[in-house]
PDB file of N, CA and C in Angstrom:
ATOM      1  N   MET A   1      95.540  94.064  83.358  1.00  0.00           N
ATOM      2  CA  MET A   1      95.100  95.240  84.068  1.00  0.00           C
ATOM      3  C   MET A   1      94.965  96.360  83.040  1.00  0.00           C
ATOM      4  N   ILE A   2      93.826  96.973  82.996  1.00  0.00           N
ATOM      5  CA  ILE A   2      93.564  98.087  82.082  1.00  0.00           C
ATOM      6  C   ILE A   2      93.629  99.385  82.878  1.00  0.00           C
ATOM      7  N   ILE A   3      94.324 100.367  82.318  1.00  0.00           N
ATOM      8  CA  ILE A   3      94.382 101.679  82.967  1.00  0.00           C
ATOM      9  C   ILE A   3      93.046 102.378  82.731  1.00  0.00           C
ATOM     10  N   SER A   4      92.420 102.790  83.785  1.00  0.00           N
ATOM     11  CA  SER A   4      91.175 103.545  83.681  1.00  0.00           C
ATOM     12  C   SER A   4      91.046 104.402  84.927  1.00  0.00           C
ATOM     13  N   ASN A   5      90.076 105.285  84.900  1.00  0.00           N
ATOM     14  CA  ASN A   5      89.840 106.097  86.084  1.00  0.00           C
ATOM     15  C   ASN A   5      89.507 105.190  87.251  1.00  0.00           C
ATOM     16  N   GLY A   6      90.028 105.521  88.382  1.00  0.00           N
ATOM     17  CA  GLY A   6      89.765 104.736  89.574  1.00  0.00           C
ATOM     18  C   GLY A   6      88.396 105.024  90.142  1.00  0.00           C
ATOM     19  N   HIS A   7      88.136 104.425  91.255  1.00  0.00           N
ATOM     20  CA  HIS A   7      86.868 104.686  91.925  1.00  0.00           C
ATOM     21  C   HIS A   7      87.164 105.175  93.330  1.00  0.00           C
ATOM     22  N   LEU A   8      86.200 105.805  93.933  1.00  0.00           N
ATOM     23  CA  LEU A   8      86.372 106.405  95.250  1.00  0.00           C
ATOM     24  C   LEU A   8      86.140 105.417  96.384  1.00  0.00           C
ATOM     25  N   GLY A   9      85.567 104.268  96.087  1.00  0.00           N
ATOM     26  CA  GLY A   9      85.252 103.325  97.149  1.00  0.00           C
ATOM     27  C   GLY A   9      83.960 103.685  97.855  1.00  0.00           C
ATOM     28  N   ILE A  10      82.974 104.138  97.095  1.00  0.00           N
ATOM     29  CA  ILE A  10      81.706 104.575  97.689  1.00  0.00           C
ATOM     30  C   ILE A  10      81.064 103.448  98.495  1.00  0.00           C
ATOM     31  N   VAL A  11      81.145 102.209  98.010  1.00  0.00           N
ATOM     32  CA  VAL A  11      80.561 101.085  98.758  1.00  0.00           C
ATOM     33  C   VAL A  11      81.289 100.903 100.080  1.00  0.00           C
ATOM     34  N   TYR A  12      82.626 101.018 100.066  1.00  0.00           N
ATOM     35  CA  TYR A  12      83.382 100.914 101.317  1.00  0.00           C
ATOM     36  C   TYR A  12      82.968 102.021 102.279  1.00  0.00           C
ATOM     37  N   GLN A  13      82.795 103.219 101.741  1.00  0.00           N
ATOM     38  CA  GLN A  13      82.389 104.347 102.580  1.00  0.00           C
ATOM     39  C   GLN A  13      81.009 104.100 103.179  1.00  0.00           C
ATOM     40  N   SER A  14      80.081 103.604 102.368  1.00  0.00           N
ATOM     41  CA  SER A  14      78.721 103.394 102.862  1.00  0.00           C
ATOM     42  C   SER A  14      78.647 102.258 103.879  1.00  0.00           C
ATOM     43  N   CYS A  15      79.632 101.370 103.862  1.00  0.00           N
ATOM     44  CA  CYS A  15      79.680 100.265 104.836  1.00  0.00           C
ATOM     45  C   CYS A  15      80.567 100.600 106.037  1.00  0.00           C
ATOM     46  N   ASN A  16      80.948 101.870 106.160  1.00  0.00           N
ATOM     47  CA  ASN A  16      81.739 102.363 107.295  1.00  0.00           C
ATOM     48  C   ASN A  16      83.140 101.773 107.402  1.00  0.00           C
ATOM     49  N   PHE A  17      83.740 101.436 106.262  1.00  0.00           N
ATOM     50  CA  PHE A  17      85.150 101.072 106.293  1.00  0.00           C
ATOM     51  C   PHE A  17      85.923 102.333 106.637  1.00  0.00           C
ATOM     52  N   ARG A  18      87.091 102.173 107.219  1.00  0.00           N
ATOM     53  CA  ARG A  18      87.935 103.315 107.562  1.00  0.00           C
ATOM     54  C   ARG A  18      88.867 103.607 106.385  1.00  0.00           C
ATOM     55  N   PHE A  19      88.871 104.846 105.939  1.00  0.00           N
ATOM     56  CA  PHE A  19      89.782 105.263 104.874  1.00  0.00           C
ATOM     57  C   PHE A  19      91.116 105.616 105.510  1.00  0.00           C
ATOM     58  N   THR A  20      92.198 105.014 105.019  1.00  0.00           N
ATOM     59  CA  THR A  20      93.518 105.237 105.631  1.00  0.00           C
ATOM     60  C   THR A  20      94.537 105.803 104.641  1.00  0.00           C
ATOM     61  N   GLY A  21      94.055 106.427 103.583  1.00  0.00           N
ATOM     62  CA  GLY A  21      94.977 107.055 102.638  1.00  0.00           C
ATOM     63  C   GLY A  21      95.151 106.242 101.372  1.00  0.00           C
ATOM     64  N   ARG A  22      96.274 106.417 100.761  1.00  0.00           N
ATOM     65  CA  ARG A  22      96.583 105.721  99.512  1.00  0.00           C
ATOM     66  C   ARG A  22      97.670 104.679  99.740  1.00  0.00           C
ATOM     67  N   GLY A  23      97.664 103.690  98.871  1.00  0.00           N
ATOM     68  CA  GLY A  23      98.719 102.686  98.873  1.00  0.00           C
ATOM     69  C   GLY A  23      99.995 103.270  98.291  1.00  0.00           C
ATOM     70  N   THR A  24     100.917 102.414  97.972  1.00  0.00           N
ATOM     71  CA  THR A  24     102.228 102.830  97.484  1.00  0.00           C
ATOM     72  C   THR A  24     102.152 103.471  96.100  1.00  0.00           C
ATOM     73  N   ARG A  25     102.806 104.599  95.957  1.00  0.00           N
ATOM     74  CA  ARG A  25     102.937 105.283  94.667  1.00  0.00           C
ATOM     75  C   ARG A  25     103.853 104.433  93.787  1.00  0.00           C
ATOM     76  N   ARG A  26     103.482 104.242  92.523  1.00  0.00           N
ATOM     77  CA  ARG A  26     104.270 103.402  91.617  1.00  0.00           C
ATOM     78  C   ARG A  26     104.328 104.023  90.226  1.00  0.00           C
ATOM     79  N   THR A  27     105.267 103.523  89.445  1.00  0.00           N
ATOM     80  CA  THR A  27     105.309 103.859  88.034  1.00  0.00           C
ATOM     81  C   THR A  27     105.023 102.576  87.266  1.00  0.00           C
ATOM     82  N   HIS A  28     103.967 102.590  86.462  1.00  0.00           N
ATOM     83  CA  HIS A  28     103.588 101.441  85.654  1.00  0.00           C
ATOM     84  C   HIS A  28     104.124 101.617  84.240  1.00  0.00           C
ATOM     85  N   THR A  29     104.245 100.504  83.518  1.00  0.00           N
ATOM     86  CA  THR A  29     104.616 100.551  82.116  1.00  0.00           C
ATOM     87  C   THR A  29     103.356 100.338  81.294  1.00  0.00           C
ATOM     88  N   LEU A  30     102.945 101.360  80.555  1.00  0.00           N
ATOM     89  CA  LEU A  30     101.739 101.299  79.749  1.00  0.00           C
ATOM     90  C   LEU A  30     102.081 100.759  78.363  1.00  0.00           C
ATOM     91  N   LEU A  31     101.395  99.700  77.972  1.00  0.00           N
ATOM     92  CA  LEU A  31     101.620  99.071  76.672  1.00  0.00           C
ATOM     93  C   LEU A  31     100.672  99.677  75.636  1.00  0.00           C
ATOM     94  N   PRO A  32     100.949  99.464  74.344  1.00  0.00           N
ATOM     95  CA  PRO A  32     100.142 100.104  73.301  1.00  0.00           C
ATOM     96  C   PRO A  32      98.664  99.720  73.314  1.00  0.00           C
ATOM     97  N   ASP A  33      98.315  98.564  73.861  1.00  0.00           N
ATOM     98  CA  ASP A  33      96.903  98.159  73.888  1.00  0.00           C
ATOM     99  C   ASP A  33      96.163  98.697  75.111  1.00  0.00           C
ATOM    100  N   GLY A  34      96.831  99.533  75.914  1.00  0.00           N
ATOM    101  CA  GLY A  34      96.193 100.129  77.086  1.00  0.00           C
ATOM    102  C   GLY A  34      96.328  99.308  78.348  1.00  0.00           C
ATOM    103  N   THR A  35      96.995  98.166  78.264  1.00  0.00           N
ATOM    104  CA  THR A  35      97.214  97.354  79.466  1.00  0.00           C
ATOM    105  C   THR A  35      98.539  97.731  80.102  1.00  0.00           C
ATOM    106  N   VAL A  36      98.753  97.220  81.291  1.00  0.00           N
ATOM    107  CA  VAL A  36      99.952  97.538  82.056  1.00  0.00           C
ATOM    108  C   VAL A  36     100.859  96.316  82.150  1.00  0.00           C
ATOM    109  N   LEU A  37     102.140  96.527  81.951  1.00  0.00           N
ATOM    110  CA  LEU A  37     103.126  95.499  82.248  1.00  0.00           C
ATOM    111  C   LEU A  37     103.523  95.723  83.697  1.00  0.00           C
ATOM    112  N   THR A  38     103.102  94.829  84.573  1.00  0.00           N
ATOM    113  CA  THR A  38     103.330  95.014  86.004  1.00  0.00           C
ATOM    114  C   THR A  38     104.795  94.798  86.371  1.00  0.00           C
ATOM    115  N   ALA A  39     105.162  95.290  87.523  1.00  0.00           N
ATOM    116  CA  ALA A  39     106.529  95.093  88.025  1.00  0.00           C
ATOM    117  C   ALA A  39     106.822  93.605  88.184  1.00  0.00           C
ATOM    118  N   ARG A  40     105.813  92.841  88.590  1.00  0.00           N
ATOM    119  CA  ARG A  40     106.003  91.393  88.764  1.00  0.00           C
ATOM    120  C   ARG A  40     106.278  90.724  87.418  1.00  0.00           C
ATOM    121  N   SER A  41     105.576  91.141  86.376  1.00  0.00           N
ATOM    122  CA  SER A  41     105.805  90.576  85.041  1.00  0.00           C
ATOM    123  C   SER A  41     107.207  90.918  84.554  1.00  0.00           C
ATOM    124  N   ARG A  42     107.632  92.149  84.803  1.00  0.00           N
ATOM    125  CA  ARG A  42     109.000  92.544  84.428  1.00  0.00           C
ATOM    126  C   ARG A  42     110.021  91.682  85.159  1.00  0.00           C
ATOM    127  N   ALA A  43     109.761  91.436  86.447  1.00  0.00           N
ATOM    128  CA  ALA A  43     110.697  90.658  87.258  1.00  0.00           C
ATOM    129  C   ALA A  43     110.838  89.230  86.736  1.00  0.00           C
ATOM    130  N   LYS A  44     109.772  88.688  86.181  1.00  0.00           N
ATOM    131  CA  LYS A  44     109.854  87.328  85.625  1.00  0.00           C
ATOM    132  C   LYS A  44     110.846  87.271  84.480  1.00  0.00           C
ATOM    133  N   LEU A  45     110.977  88.354  83.733  1.00  0.00           N
ATOM    134  CA  LEU A  45     111.911  88.378  82.609  1.00  0.00           C
ATOM    135  C   LEU A  45     113.318  88.790  83.011  1.00  0.00           C
ATOM    136  N   THR A  46     113.454  89.548  84.066  1.00  0.00           N
ATOM    137  CA  THR A  46     114.782  90.053  84.434  1.00  0.00           C
ATOM    138  C   THR A  46     115.453  89.241  85.534  1.00  0.00           C
ATOM    139  N   SER A  47     114.786  88.237  86.041  1.00  0.00           N
ATOM    140  CA  SER A  47     115.353  87.399  87.101  1.00  0.00           C
ATOM    141  C   SER A  47     116.536  86.586  86.572  1.00  0.00           C
ATOM    142  N   ARG A  48     117.497  86.322  87.442  1.00  0.00           N
ATOM    143  CA  ARG A  48     118.650  85.521  87.034  1.00  0.00           C
ATOM    144  C   ARG A  48     118.318  84.043  86.897  1.00  0.00           C
ATOM    145  N   VAL A  49     117.286  83.612  87.618  1.00  0.00           N
ATOM    146  CA  VAL A  49     116.847  82.214  87.498  1.00  0.00           C
ATOM    147  C   VAL A  49     115.528  82.192  86.727  1.00  0.00           C
ATOM    148  N   PRO A  50     115.313  81.195  85.884  1.00  0.00           N
ATOM    149  CA  PRO A  50     114.058  81.144  85.124  1.00  0.00           C
ATOM    150  C   PRO A  50     112.845  81.089  86.052  1.00  0.00           C
ATOM    151  N   GLU A  51     111.859  81.904  85.758  1.00  0.00           N
ATOM    152  CA  GLU A  51     110.651  81.947  86.589  1.00  0.00           C
ATOM    153  C   GLU A  51     109.457  81.450  85.805  1.00  0.00           C
ATOM    154  N   PRO A  52     108.541  80.761  86.483  1.00  0.00           N
ATOM    155  CA  PRO A  52     107.310  80.352  85.804  1.00  0.00           C
ATOM    156  C   PRO A  52     106.556  81.588  85.316  1.00  0.00           C
ATOM    157  N   GLY A  53     106.059  81.507  84.111  1.00  0.00           N
ATOM    158  CA  GLY A  53     105.304  82.616  83.552  1.00  0.00           C
ATOM    159  C   GLY A  53     106.122  83.553  82.684  1.00  0.00           C
ATOM    160  N   ALA A  54     107.437  83.414  82.690  1.00  0.00           N
ATOM    161  CA  ALA A  54     108.277  84.311  81.892  1.00  0.00           C
ATOM    162  C   ALA A  54     107.970  84.162  80.406  1.00  0.00           C
ATOM    163  N   ALA A  55     107.765  82.938  79.949  1.00  0.00           N
ATOM    164  CA  ALA A  55     107.464  82.705  78.533  1.00  0.00           C
ATOM    165  C   ALA A  55     106.131  83.352  78.164  1.00  0.00           C
ATOM    166  N   GLY A  56     105.182  83.332  79.073  1.00  0.00           N
ATOM    167  CA  GLY A  56     103.886  83.961  78.813  1.00  0.00           C
ATOM    168  C   GLY A  56     104.001  85.464  78.679  1.00  0.00           C
ATOM    169  N   VAL A  57     104.810  86.083  79.517  1.00  0.00           N
ATOM    170  CA  VAL A  57     105.019  87.535  79.443  1.00  0.00           C
ATOM    171  C   VAL A  57     105.703  87.880  78.124  1.00  0.00           C
ATOM    172  N   GLU A  58     106.725  87.111  77.790  1.00  0.00           N
ATOM    173  CA  GLU A  58     107.434  87.347  76.527  1.00  0.00           C
ATOM    174  C   GLU A  58     106.482  87.170  75.335  1.00  0.00           C
ATOM    175  N   GLY A  59     105.685  86.126  75.368  1.00  0.00           N
ATOM    176  CA  GLY A  59     104.730  85.881  74.291  1.00  0.00           C
ATOM    177  C   GLY A  59     103.719  87.009  74.145  1.00  0.00           C
ATOM    178  N   ARG A  60     103.286  87.540  75.275  1.00  0.00           N
ATOM    179  CA  ARG A  60     102.333  88.660  75.248  1.00  0.00           C
ATOM    180  C   ARG A  60     102.945  89.872  74.558  1.00  0.00           C
ATOM    181  N   LEU A  61     104.207  90.177  74.883  1.00  0.00           N
ATOM    182  CA  LEU A  61     104.874  91.332  74.274  1.00  0.00           C
ATOM    183  C   LEU A  61     105.108  91.111  72.784  1.00  0.00           C
ATOM    184  N   VAL A  62     105.479  89.894  72.402  1.00  0.00           N
ATOM    185  CA  VAL A  62     105.684  89.581  70.984  1.00  0.00           C
ATOM    186  C   VAL A  62     104.357  89.697  70.230  1.00  0.00           C
ATOM    187  N   SER A  63     103.270  89.238  70.861  1.00  0.00           N
ATOM    188  CA  SER A  63     101.957  89.328  70.196  1.00  0.00           C
ATOM    189  C   SER A  63     101.516  90.780  69.997  1.00  0.00           C
ATOM    190  N   LEU A  64     102.044  91.682  70.808  1.00  0.00           N
ATOM    191  CA  LEU A  64     101.738  93.105  70.642  1.00  0.00           C
ATOM    192  C   LEU A  64     102.614  93.771  69.583  1.00  0.00           C
ATOM    193  N   GLY A  65     103.630  93.031  69.084  1.00  0.00           N
ATOM    194  CA  GLY A  65     104.475  93.567  68.029  1.00  0.00           C
ATOM    195  C   GLY A  65     105.943  93.702  68.375  1.00  0.00           C
ATOM    196  N   ALA A  66     106.337  93.265  69.559  1.00  0.00           N
ATOM    197  CA  ALA A  66     107.759  93.324  69.923  1.00  0.00           C
ATOM    198  C   ALA A  66     108.530  92.303  69.088  1.00  0.00           C
ATOM    199  N   PRO A  67     109.766  92.617  68.731  1.00  0.00           N
ATOM    200  CA  PRO A  67     110.560  91.647  67.967  1.00  0.00           C
ATOM    201  C   PRO A  67     110.925  90.457  68.842  1.00  0.00           C
ATOM    202  N   PRO A  68     110.994  89.263  68.277  1.00  0.00           N
ATOM    203  CA  PRO A  68     111.406  88.103  69.074  1.00  0.00           C
ATOM    204  C   PRO A  68     112.864  88.258  69.524  1.00  0.00           C
ATOM    205  N   ARG A  69     113.202  87.523  70.578  1.00  0.00           N
ATOM    206  CA  ARG A  69     114.598  87.544  71.054  1.00  0.00           C
ATOM    207  C   ARG A  69     115.517  86.953  70.001  1.00  0.00           C
ATOM    208  N   THR A  70     116.720  87.492  69.916  1.00  0.00           N
ATOM    209  CA  THR A  70     117.727  86.933  69.014  1.00  0.00           C
ATOM    210  C   THR A  70     118.436  85.782  69.710  1.00  0.00           C
ATOM    211  N   ALA A  71     119.123  84.967  68.946  1.00  0.00           N
ATOM    212  CA  ALA A  71     119.842  83.822  69.505  1.00  0.00           C
ATOM    213  C   ALA A  71     120.871  84.313  70.523  1.00  0.00           C
ATOM    214  N   GLY A  72     120.860  83.731  71.701  1.00  0.00           N
ATOM    215  CA  GLY A  72     121.809  84.081  72.741  1.00  0.00           C
ATOM    216  C   GLY A  72     121.428  85.296  73.567  1.00  0.00           C
ATOM    217  N   GLU A  73     120.351  85.979  73.217  1.00  0.00           N
ATOM    218  CA  GLU A  73     119.921  87.164  73.949  1.00  0.00           C
ATOM    219  C   GLU A  73     119.091  86.736  75.156  1.00  0.00           C
ATOM    220  N   SER A  74     119.439  87.223  76.324  1.00  0.00           N
ATOM    221  CA  SER A  74     118.682  86.875  77.533  1.00  0.00           C
ATOM    222  C   SER A  74     117.395  87.706  77.573  1.00  0.00           C
ATOM    223  N   PRO A  75     116.387  87.211  78.290  1.00  0.00           N
ATOM    224  CA  PRO A  75     115.167  88.007  78.430  1.00  0.00           C
ATOM    225  C   PRO A  75     115.431  89.389  79.030  1.00  0.00           C
ATOM    226  N   ALA A  76     116.368  89.470  79.968  1.00  0.00           N
ATOM    227  CA  ALA A  76     116.693  90.759  80.602  1.00  0.00           C
ATOM    228  C   ALA A  76     117.301  91.728  79.596  1.00  0.00           C
ATOM    229  N   GLN A  77     118.090  91.221  78.657  1.00  0.00           N
ATOM    230  CA  GLN A  77     118.667  92.079  77.619  1.00  0.00           C
ATOM    231  C   GLN A  77     117.603  92.474  76.597  1.00  0.00           C
ATOM    232  N   TRP A  78     116.681  91.564  76.327  1.00  0.00           N
ATOM    233  CA  TRP A  78     115.655  91.780  75.312  1.00  0.00           C
ATOM    234  C   TRP A  78     114.573  92.757  75.756  1.00  0.00           C
ATOM    235  N   LEU A  79     114.209  92.745  77.039  1.00  0.00           N
ATOM    236  CA  LEU A  79     113.066  93.512  77.516  1.00  0.00           C
ATOM    237  C   LEU A  79     113.143  95.009  77.180  1.00  0.00           C
ATOM    238  N   PRO A  80     114.233  95.727  77.469  1.00  0.00           N
ATOM    239  CA  PRO A  80     114.265  97.160  77.124  1.00  0.00           C
ATOM    240  C   PRO A  80     114.088  97.410  75.619  1.00  0.00           C
ATOM    241  N   ARG A  81     114.690  96.555  74.824  1.00  0.00           N
ATOM    242  CA  ARG A  81     114.567  96.683  73.359  1.00  0.00           C
ATOM    243  C   ARG A  81     113.120  96.457  72.923  1.00  0.00           C
ATOM    244  N   ALA A  82     112.478  95.458  73.510  1.00  0.00           N
ATOM    245  CA  ALA A  82     111.091  95.143  73.166  1.00  0.00           C
ATOM    246  C   ALA A  82     110.163  96.290  73.558  1.00  0.00           C
ATOM    247  N   LEU A  83     110.353  96.824  74.754  1.00  0.00           N
ATOM    248  CA  LEU A  83     109.487  97.914  75.222  1.00  0.00           C
ATOM    249  C   LEU A  83     109.674  99.169  74.376  1.00  0.00           C
ATOM    250  N   GLU A  84     110.902  99.451  74.000  1.00  0.00           N
ATOM    251  CA  GLU A  84     111.160 100.616  73.149  1.00  0.00           C
ATOM    252  C   GLU A  84     110.500 100.424  71.785  1.00  0.00           C
ATOM    253  N   HIS A  85     110.624  99.233  71.224  1.00  0.00           N
ATOM    254  CA  HIS A  85     110.020  98.938  69.924  1.00  0.00           C
ATOM    255  C   HIS A  85     108.494  99.099  69.974  1.00  0.00           C
ATOM    256  N   LEU A  86     107.892  98.691  71.080  1.00  0.00           N
ATOM    257  CA  LEU A  86     106.444  98.788  71.227  1.00  0.00           C
ATOM    258  C   LEU A  86     105.969 100.217  71.497  1.00  0.00           C
ATOM    259  N   GLY A  87     106.868 101.075  71.937  1.00  0.00           N
ATOM    260  CA  GLY A  87     106.465 102.427  72.319  1.00  0.00           C
ATOM    261  C   GLY A  87     105.828 102.460  73.697  1.00  0.00           C
ATOM    262  N   ALA A  88     106.168 101.482  74.527  1.00  0.00           N
ATOM    263  CA  ALA A  88     105.647 101.455  75.899  1.00  0.00           C
ATOM    264  C   ALA A  88     106.164 102.683  76.637  1.00  0.00           C
ATOM    265  N   ARG A  89     105.337 103.183  77.544  1.00  0.00           N
ATOM    266  CA  ARG A  89     105.761 104.389  78.258  1.00  0.00           C
ATOM    267  C   ARG A  89     105.456 104.281  79.748  1.00  0.00           C
ATOM    268  N   PRO A  90     106.264 104.931  80.556  1.00  0.00           N
ATOM    269  CA  PRO A  90     106.016 104.918  81.998  1.00  0.00           C
ATOM    270  C   PRO A  90     104.855 105.850  82.349  1.00  0.00           C
ATOM    271  N   VAL A  91     104.027 105.408  83.280  1.00  0.00           N
ATOM    272  CA  VAL A  91     102.894 106.205  83.743  1.00  0.00           C
ATOM    273  C   VAL A  91     102.922 106.210  85.262  1.00  0.00           C
ATOM    274  N   SER A  92     102.916 107.396  85.840  1.00  0.00           N
ATOM    275  CA  SER A  92     102.924 107.522  87.290  1.00  0.00           C
ATOM    276  C   SER A  92     101.533 107.200  87.841  1.00  0.00           C
ATOM    277  N   HIS A  93     101.478 106.390  88.889  1.00  0.00           N
ATOM    278  CA  HIS A  93     100.206 106.038  89.540  1.00  0.00           C
ATOM    279  C   HIS A  93     100.311 106.479  91.002  1.00  0.00           C
ATOM    280  N   PRO A  94      99.348 107.255  91.488  1.00  0.00           N
ATOM    281  CA  PRO A  94      99.451 107.806  92.841  1.00  0.00           C
ATOM    282  C   PRO A  94      99.202 106.798  93.958  1.00  0.00           C
ATOM    283  N   GLY A  95      98.794 105.596  93.628  1.00  0.00           N
ATOM    284  CA  GLY A  95      98.475 104.591  94.651  1.00  0.00           C
ATOM    285  C   GLY A  95      96.971 104.449  94.796  1.00  0.00           C
ATOM    286  N   ASN A  96      96.516 103.236  95.030  1.00  0.00           N
ATOM    287  CA  ASN A  96      95.083 102.988  95.186  1.00  0.00           C
ATOM    288  C   ASN A  96      94.598 103.502  96.535  1.00  0.00           C
ATOM    289  N   PHE A  97      93.318 103.836  96.602  1.00  0.00           N
ATOM    290  CA  PHE A  97      92.725 104.188  97.885  1.00  0.00           C
ATOM    291  C   PHE A  97      92.726 102.952  98.775  1.00  0.00           C
ATOM    292  N   ARG A  98      92.992 103.155 100.059  1.00  0.00           N
ATOM    293  CA  ARG A  98      93.087 102.030 100.999  1.00  0.00           C
ATOM    294  C   ARG A  98      92.015 102.171 102.070  1.00  0.00           C
ATOM    295  N   TYR A  99      91.187 101.139 102.182  1.00  0.00           N
ATOM    296  CA  TYR A  99      90.127 101.078 103.188  1.00  0.00           C
ATOM    297  C   TYR A  99      90.361  99.853 104.058  1.00  0.00           C
ATOM    298  N   VAL A 100      90.078  99.958 105.346  1.00  0.00           N
ATOM    299  CA  VAL A 100      90.223  98.831 106.266  1.00  0.00           C
ATOM    300  C   VAL A 100      88.955  98.693 107.109  1.00  0.00           C
ATOM    301  N   LEU A 101      88.741  97.495 107.624  1.00  0.00           N
ATOM    302  CA  LEU A 101      87.572  97.207 108.442  1.00  0.00           C
ATOM    303  C   LEU A 101      87.969  96.218 109.523  1.00  0.00           C
ATOM    304  N   ALA A 102      87.621  96.529 110.758  1.00  0.00           N
ATOM    305  CA  ALA A 102      87.847  95.585 111.856  1.00  0.00           C
ATOM    306  C   ALA A 102      86.830  94.456 111.724  1.00  0.00           C
ATOM    307  N   VAL A 103      87.296  93.222 111.838  1.00  0.00           N
ATOM    308  CA  VAL A 103      86.389  92.083 111.711  1.00  0.00           C
ATOM    309  C   VAL A 103      86.372  91.293 113.006  1.00  0.00           C
ATOM    310  N   GLY A 104      85.269  90.656 113.253  1.00  0.00           N
ATOM    311  CA  GLY A 104      85.087  89.820 114.429  1.00  0.00           C
ATOM    312  C   GLY A 104      83.639  89.369 114.475  1.00  0.00           C
ATOM    313  N   ARG A 105      83.374  88.325 115.241  1.00  0.00           N
ATOM    314  CA  ARG A 105      82.005  87.804 115.291  1.00  0.00           C
ATOM    315  C   ARG A 105      81.059  88.703 116.065  1.00  0.00           C
ATOM    316  N   THR A 106      81.587  89.419 117.045  1.00  0.00           N
ATOM    317  CA  THR A 106      80.724  90.251 117.889  1.00  0.00           C
ATOM    318  C   THR A 106      81.258  91.682 117.907  1.00  0.00           C
ATOM    319  N   ARG A 107      80.426  92.595 118.367  1.00  0.00           N
ATOM    320  CA  ARG A 107      80.849  93.993 118.491  1.00  0.00           C
ATOM    321  C   ARG A 107      82.034  94.094 119.452  1.00  0.00           C
ATOM    322  N   ALA A 108      82.005  93.294 120.522  1.00  0.00           N
ATOM    323  CA  ALA A 108      83.105  93.317 121.498  1.00  0.00           C
ATOM    324  C   ALA A 108      84.417  92.890 120.842  1.00  0.00           C
ATOM    325  N   GLU A 109      84.373  91.835 120.024  1.00  0.00           N
ATOM    326  CA  GLU A 109      85.594  91.401 119.326  1.00  0.00           C
ATOM    327  C   GLU A 109      86.089  92.490 118.383  1.00  0.00           C
ATOM    328  N   ARG A 110      85.188  93.095 117.649  1.00  0.00           N
ATOM    329  CA  ARG A 110      85.582  94.145 116.705  1.00  0.00           C
ATOM    330  C   ARG A 110      86.139  95.366 117.421  1.00  0.00           C
ATOM    331  N   SER A 111      85.626  95.669 118.602  1.00  0.00           N
ATOM    332  CA  SER A 111      86.102  96.858 119.325  1.00  0.00           C
ATOM    333  C   SER A 111      87.510  96.652 119.882  1.00  0.00           C
ATOM    334  N   ARG A 112      87.941  95.407 120.032  1.00  0.00           N
ATOM    335  CA  ARG A 112      89.301  95.137 120.530  1.00  0.00           C
ATOM    336  C   ARG A 112      90.356  95.149 119.425  1.00  0.00           C
ATOM    337  N   ILE A 113      89.915  95.212 118.180  1.00  0.00           N
ATOM    338  CA  ILE A 113      90.854  95.232 117.061  1.00  0.00           C
ATOM    339  C   ILE A 113      91.528  96.599 117.003  1.00  0.00           C
ATOM    340  N   VAL A 114      92.848  96.582 116.918  1.00  0.00           N
ATOM    341  CA  VAL A 114      93.606  97.830 116.818  1.00  0.00           C
ATOM    342  C   VAL A 114      94.067  97.992 115.375  1.00  0.00           C
ATOM    343  N   ILE A 115      93.652  99.095 114.764  1.00  0.00           N
ATOM    344  CA  ILE A 115      94.105  99.425 113.407  1.00  0.00           C
ATOM    345  C   ILE A 115      95.111 100.551 113.549  1.00  0.00           C
ATOM    346  N   ALA A 116      96.348 100.246 113.201  1.00  0.00           N
ATOM    347  CA  ALA A 116      97.434 101.194 113.445  1.00  0.00           C
ATOM    348  C   ALA A 116      97.419 102.382 112.498  1.00  0.00           C
ATOM    349  N   LEU A 117      96.780 102.246 111.343  1.00  0.00           N
ATOM    350  CA  LEU A 117      96.772 103.339 110.378  1.00  0.00           C
ATOM    351  C   LEU A 117      95.754 104.397 110.779  1.00  0.00           C
ATOM    352  N   LYS A 118      96.142 105.637 110.671  1.00  0.00           N
ATOM    353  CA  LYS A 118      95.286 106.756 111.052  1.00  0.00           C
ATOM    354  C   LYS A 118      94.142 106.914 110.056  1.00  0.00           C
ATOM    355  N   ALA A 119      92.939 107.109 110.568  1.00  0.00           N
ATOM    356  CA  ALA A 119      91.775 107.351 109.711  1.00  0.00           C
ATOM    357  C   ALA A 119      91.855 108.753 109.129  1.00  0.00           C
ATOM    358  N   GLU A 120      91.466 108.876 107.869  1.00  0.00           N
ATOM    359  CA  GLU A 120      91.442 110.166 107.183  1.00  0.00           C
ATOM    360  C   GLU A 120      90.035 110.399 106.658  1.00  0.00           C
ATOM    361  N   PRO A 121      89.716 111.629 106.290  1.00  0.00           N
ATOM    362  CA  PRO A 121      88.397 111.896 105.697  1.00  0.00           C
ATOM    363  C   PRO A 121      88.230 111.111 104.393  1.00  0.00           C
ATOM    364  N   TYR A 122      87.017 110.701 104.109  1.00  0.00           N
ATOM    365  CA  TYR A 122      86.749 109.976 102.869  1.00  0.00           C
ATOM    366  C   TYR A 122      87.054 110.854 101.667  1.00  0.00           C
ATOM    367  N   PRO A 123      87.641 110.268 100.606  1.00  0.00           N
ATOM    368  CA  PRO A 123      87.869 111.049  99.390  1.00  0.00           C
ATOM    369  C   PRO A 123      86.540 111.302  98.688  1.00  0.00           C
ATOM    370  N   LYS A 124      86.409 112.475  98.119  1.00  0.00           N
ATOM    371  CA  LYS A 124      85.181 112.826  97.390  1.00  0.00           C
ATOM    372  C   LYS A 124      85.440 113.063  95.907  1.00  0.00           C
ATOM    373  N   SER A 125      86.713 113.082  95.517  1.00  0.00           N
ATOM    374  CA  SER A 125      87.050 113.193  94.096  1.00  0.00           C
ATOM    375  C   SER A 125      88.371 112.482  93.869  1.00  0.00           C
ATOM    376  N   ILE A 126      88.699 112.202  92.617  1.00  0.00           N
ATOM    377  CA  ILE A 126      89.905 111.444  92.283  1.00  0.00           C
ATOM    378  C   ILE A 126      91.052 112.388  91.945  1.00  0.00           C
ATOM    379  N   ALA A 127      91.258 113.423  92.606  1.00  0.00           N
ATOM    380  CA  ALA A 127      92.318 114.384  92.281  1.00  0.00           C
ATOM    381  C   ALA A 127      93.686 113.876  92.574  1.00  0.00           C
TER     382      ALA A 127
END
C-alpha cells in the first residue's frame, strides 16, 4: 500500500451511491520507501502463535535495511527495534470515504433494502 492523496469517489457519486461518511480513523506506520506496514502485518509478527506470512513481513523489513533478529529474539521483541532503525514513523489517517449501494435485481427489491447508515452530502474536497 502506497501513501498518496485519496480520491473523492467521483465515480461512486456519478452512479448515485450513497455517501455515509468515513471509515475508521487509524494510525499507519510509514516505512522509508513510502509504503505502509499495516496493522495486520504487525500482528503477524507480534502474535504469540506463529502466523503464516510472518517471515515475509520480516523479510520485507530486513530488505529495507532493518537489522536481522538476534539469536533467541522473538519477532515481537525485534519489531520495535527494526522500525526504529528504519526510521519508520506513525501517520494519522482520517479513514477512507465510505459509499454504499442497495443491490437487487429489480427496483422493487432495491427499494426494500434498508441501509442503516445516514446519508451525508458528497465530499467535494479531501480536507
